[in-house]
Amino acid sequence: MQTSVTLFSTEGCHLCEQAKEMVEKIAPHISMTVKDIAYDDELYEQYRYHIPVLKTASGAELNWPFEPATLKEFLS
């Protein structure tokens, strides 16, 4: 089971808020870092059309949209 993930997001993104809430509900034990792509040119170029995106410490990524079952599998 993953112990930490990064959520690539930006301010005012309602889908990002939904993704964050889903992670908090399904896996409250996981440490989640939220990175706002608006303040990093490289992240902005990489994720601007794909946020929200979850990334594990091993580098695996899960792009939105995802369902609770998909998220559970991704985090296991």
C-alpha atoms as a PDB file:
ATOM      1  CA  MET A   1       0.000   0.000   0.000  1.00  0.00           C
ATOM      2  CA  GLN A   2       1.248   3.467  -0.876  1.00  0.00           C
ATOM      3  CA  THR A   3       2.199   5.694   2.032  1.00  0.00           C
ATOM      4  CA  SER A   4       2.375   8.978   0.138  1.00  0.00           C
ATOM      5  CA  VAL A   5       1.163  10.528  -3.093  1.00  0.00           C
ATOM      6  CA  THR A   6       1.448  13.868  -4.849  1.00  0.00           C
ATOM      7  CA  LEU A   7      -1.642  15.518  -6.280  1.00  0.00           C
ATOM      8  CA  PHE A   8      -0.905  17.866  -9.147  1.00  0.00           C
ATOM      9  CA  SER A   9      -3.548  20.558  -9.040  1.00  0.00           C
ATOM     10  CA  THR A  10      -4.203  24.266  -9.346  1.00  0.00           C
ATOM     11  CA  GLU A  11      -6.301  26.813  -7.516  1.00  0.00           C
ATOM     12  CA  GLY A  12      -9.977  26.846  -8.476  1.00  0.00           C
ATOM     13  CA  CYS A  13      -9.935  23.368 -10.045  1.00  0.00           C
ATOM     14  CA  HIS A  14     -13.141  21.679  -8.861  1.00  0.00           C
ATOM     15  CA  LEU A  15     -12.023  18.323 -10.289  1.00  0.00           C
ATOM     16  CA  CYS A  16      -8.837  18.594  -8.246  1.00  0.00           C
ATOM     17  CA  GLU A  17     -10.904  19.184  -5.113  1.00  0.00           C
ATOM     18  CA  GLN A  18     -12.975  16.089  -5.934  1.00  0.00           C
ATOM     19  CA  ALA A  19      -9.816  14.012  -6.400  1.00  0.00           C
ATOM     20  CA  LYS A  20      -8.363  15.275  -3.109  1.00  0.00           C
ATOM     21  CA  GLU A  21     -11.571  14.475  -1.224  1.00  0.00           C
ATOM     22  CA  MET A  22     -11.695  11.005  -2.771  1.00  0.00           C
ATOM     23  CA  VAL A  23      -8.127  10.223  -1.660  1.00  0.00           C
ATOM     24  CA  GLU A  24      -8.833  11.544   1.841  1.00  0.00           C
ATOM     25  CA  LYS A  25     -11.961   9.406   2.102  1.00  0.00           C
ATOM     26  CA  ILE A  26     -10.608   6.183   0.609  1.00  0.00           C
ATOM     27  CA  ALA A  27      -7.102   6.308   2.057  1.00  0.00           C
ATOM     28  CA  PRO A  28      -6.986   8.651   5.062  1.00  0.00           C
ATOM     29  CA  HIS A  29      -3.704   7.062   6.195  1.00  0.00           C
ATOM     30  CA  ILE A  30      -1.865   8.265   3.074  1.00  0.00           C
ATOM     31  CA  SER A  31       0.214  11.409   3.208  1.00  0.00           C
ATOM     32  CA  MET A  32      -0.784  13.649   0.304  1.00  0.00           C
ATOM     33  CA  THR A  33       1.248  16.567  -1.003  1.00  0.00           C
ATOM     34  CA  VAL A  34      -0.634  18.995  -3.239  1.00  0.00           C
ATOM     35  CA  LYS A  35       1.495  20.744  -5.864  1.00  0.00           C
ATOM     36  CA  ASP A  36       0.025  23.729  -7.676  1.00  0.00           C
ATOM     37  CA  ILE A  37       1.262  23.528 -11.258  1.00  0.00           C
ATOM     38  CA  ALA A  38       0.649  27.252 -11.827  1.00  0.00           C
ATOM     39  CA  TYR A  39       3.861  28.144 -10.002  1.00  0.00           C
ATOM     40  CA  ASP A  40       6.187  25.782 -11.858  1.00  0.00           C
ATOM     41  CA  ASP A  41       6.649  26.161 -15.614  1.00  0.00           C
ATOM     42  CA  GLU A  42       7.800  22.567 -16.089  1.00  0.00           C
ATOM     43  CA  LEU A  43       4.855  21.100 -14.165  1.00  0.00           C
ATOM     44  CA  TYR A  44       2.481  23.441 -15.967  1.00  0.00           C
ATOM     45  CA  GLU A  45       3.697  22.255 -19.370  1.00  0.00           C
ATOM     46  CA  GLN A  46       3.503  18.618 -18.293  1.00  0.00           C
ATOM     47  CA  TYR A  47       0.109  18.592 -16.563  1.00  0.00           C
ATOM     48  CA  ARG A  48      -1.927  21.589 -17.721  1.00  0.00           C
ATOM     49  CA  TYR A  49      -4.317  19.484 -19.813  1.00  0.00           C
ATOM     50  CA  HIS A  50      -4.403  16.519 -17.434  1.00  0.00           C
ATOM     51  CA  ILE A  51      -4.995  17.746 -13.872  1.00  0.00           C
ATOM     52  CA  PRO A  52      -5.805  16.363 -11.452  1.00  0.00           C
ATOM     53  CA  VAL A  53      -3.048  13.754 -11.548  1.00  0.00           C
ATOM     54  CA  LEU A  54      -1.920  11.553  -8.672  1.00  0.00           C
ATOM     55  CA  LYS A  55       1.694  10.381  -8.590  1.00  0.00           C
ATOM     56  CA  THR A  56       3.253   7.818  -6.283  1.00  0.00           C
ATOM     57  CA  ALA A  57       6.787   7.907  -4.915  1.00  0.00           C
ATOM     58  CA  SER A  58       7.686   5.204  -7.451  1.00  0.00           C
ATOM     59  CA  GLY A  59       6.558   7.468 -10.308  1.00  0.00           C
ATOM     60  CA  ALA A  60       3.286   5.772 -11.228  1.00  0.00           C
ATOM     61  CA  GLU A  61       0.591   8.234 -12.287  1.00  0.00           C
ATOM     62  CA  LEU A  62      -3.191   8.133 -12.267  1.00  0.00           C
ATOM     63  CA  ASN A  63      -4.947  10.680 -14.465  1.00  0.00           C
ATOM     64  CA  TRP A  64      -8.457  11.993 -13.914  1.00  0.00           C
ATOM     65  CA  PRO A  65     -11.144  10.812 -14.265  1.00  0.00           C
ATOM     66  CA  PHE A  66     -10.881   7.918 -11.839  1.00  0.00           C
ATOM     67  CA  GLU A  67     -13.436   6.068  -9.788  1.00  0.00           C
ATOM     68  CA  PRO A  68     -13.054   4.937  -6.173  1.00  0.00           C
ATOM     69  CA  ALA A  69     -12.323   1.346  -7.254  1.00  0.00           C
ATOM     70  CA  THR A  70      -9.598   2.494  -9.642  1.00  0.00           C
ATOM     71  CA  LEU A  71      -8.086   4.697  -6.940  1.00  0.00           C
ATOM     72  CA  LYS A  72      -8.061   1.836  -4.422  1.00  0.00           C
ATOM     73  CA  GLU A  73      -6.272  -0.399  -6.926  1.00  0.00           C
ATOM     74  CA  PHE A  74      -3.779   2.352  -7.772  1.00  0.00           C
ATOM     75  CA  LEU A  75      -2.927   2.909  -4.120  1.00  0.00           C
ATOM     76  CA  SER A  76      -2.533  -0.777  -3.274  1.00  0.00           C
END
